[in-house]
Each structure stands twice: as structure tokens, then as C-alpha cells.
């Protein structure tokens, strides 16, 4: 219930970010964690498909540039794809919607563990941690999500992020 006060003390005015954080924490119950985990997997597959489409455009362009430079620019294909993937995840998750296109389609939003918006540093750590961990363990590290009630992965713990469903 909202009270209107015209001569209110600023300390007594409720902070909307704290209310949103409490609401987000209550929306992410343990029973909902399994659905969030499944939605994260589907969101990842959607994002990989979108990045694949971008890669289909980027690789021929780099190939042509490589031919024009007698192969010197072919060295840049792998770093370009790495920047494309990490940049996409970081910019989308640290943006206003706090989600990639796949996450939005699956009704998910990334936020800090406290329920506030994440910083670009957290978004980068979460994305880089994900790709480094799957590169080193062939997706086995994602089993950490089944060992905790919140269904958070190791890179979520390291970056201090969590996922909630959009309401």
C-alpha cells in the first residue's frame, strides 16, 4: 500500500530498488529453480543460433579480407569470434533489459544476488566464466547447478549473479 505524504522525511520514503530486489527474490522460489535451469539451457541454444548467424556473416568477410591481405588477417578470425560472443553476452546482460535475446524469449532476466541490476564487470565475469568453464570441463562443470537448491552454476557464484523469471 502506498501512502502519499507531501512533507515526508527522505529517510522514510521507500526505496524502489529495494522493493524490486525483494520482489525478485520472492519470485525465484526453489520450486521454480528447475524451470529457470531449463529455460537457461533453451536461452543458451537460442543465443548460440543467433551468434551462429552472425558468425556466418563474419567468417566470409574475414575470409575475403584474409585473401586480400595474403592470409595475414586470417589470424584475426578466432579473436573476432571470441569478442563477438563475449561482447554479445556482456553488452546484453549489462544493458537495460539485463538479458540476451534468448533469455528474453525464455522469460529470464539476470540480476545480482542481492536482486539489483548487474554491472558490466559482473556480466563479463559471468560470460567469460561460463565459456572458460565449459572449455576446460566439456560442460561437466554445469553439473554444479544440480548440487545447490538455487540451481546456480559455478560462474554464477563467482560473478555474484542469479536468474529470475520475468513477471
Foldseek 3Di string as FASTA:
>chain_A
DDDDDDPDDVVPDDDVQLVQLVVQVVQQDLVCLVVVVVLVVQLVVVVVVVLVVVLVVVVVVQVVVCVVVVNPSVVVSVVVSVCSQLVQQLPCLQDPQNDHPSCVVSQKHKDALSRGRAHSVLSSQLRVVVVVVCVVPVCPQLCVLVVDSNSDGPSCVVSRMHMGGHD
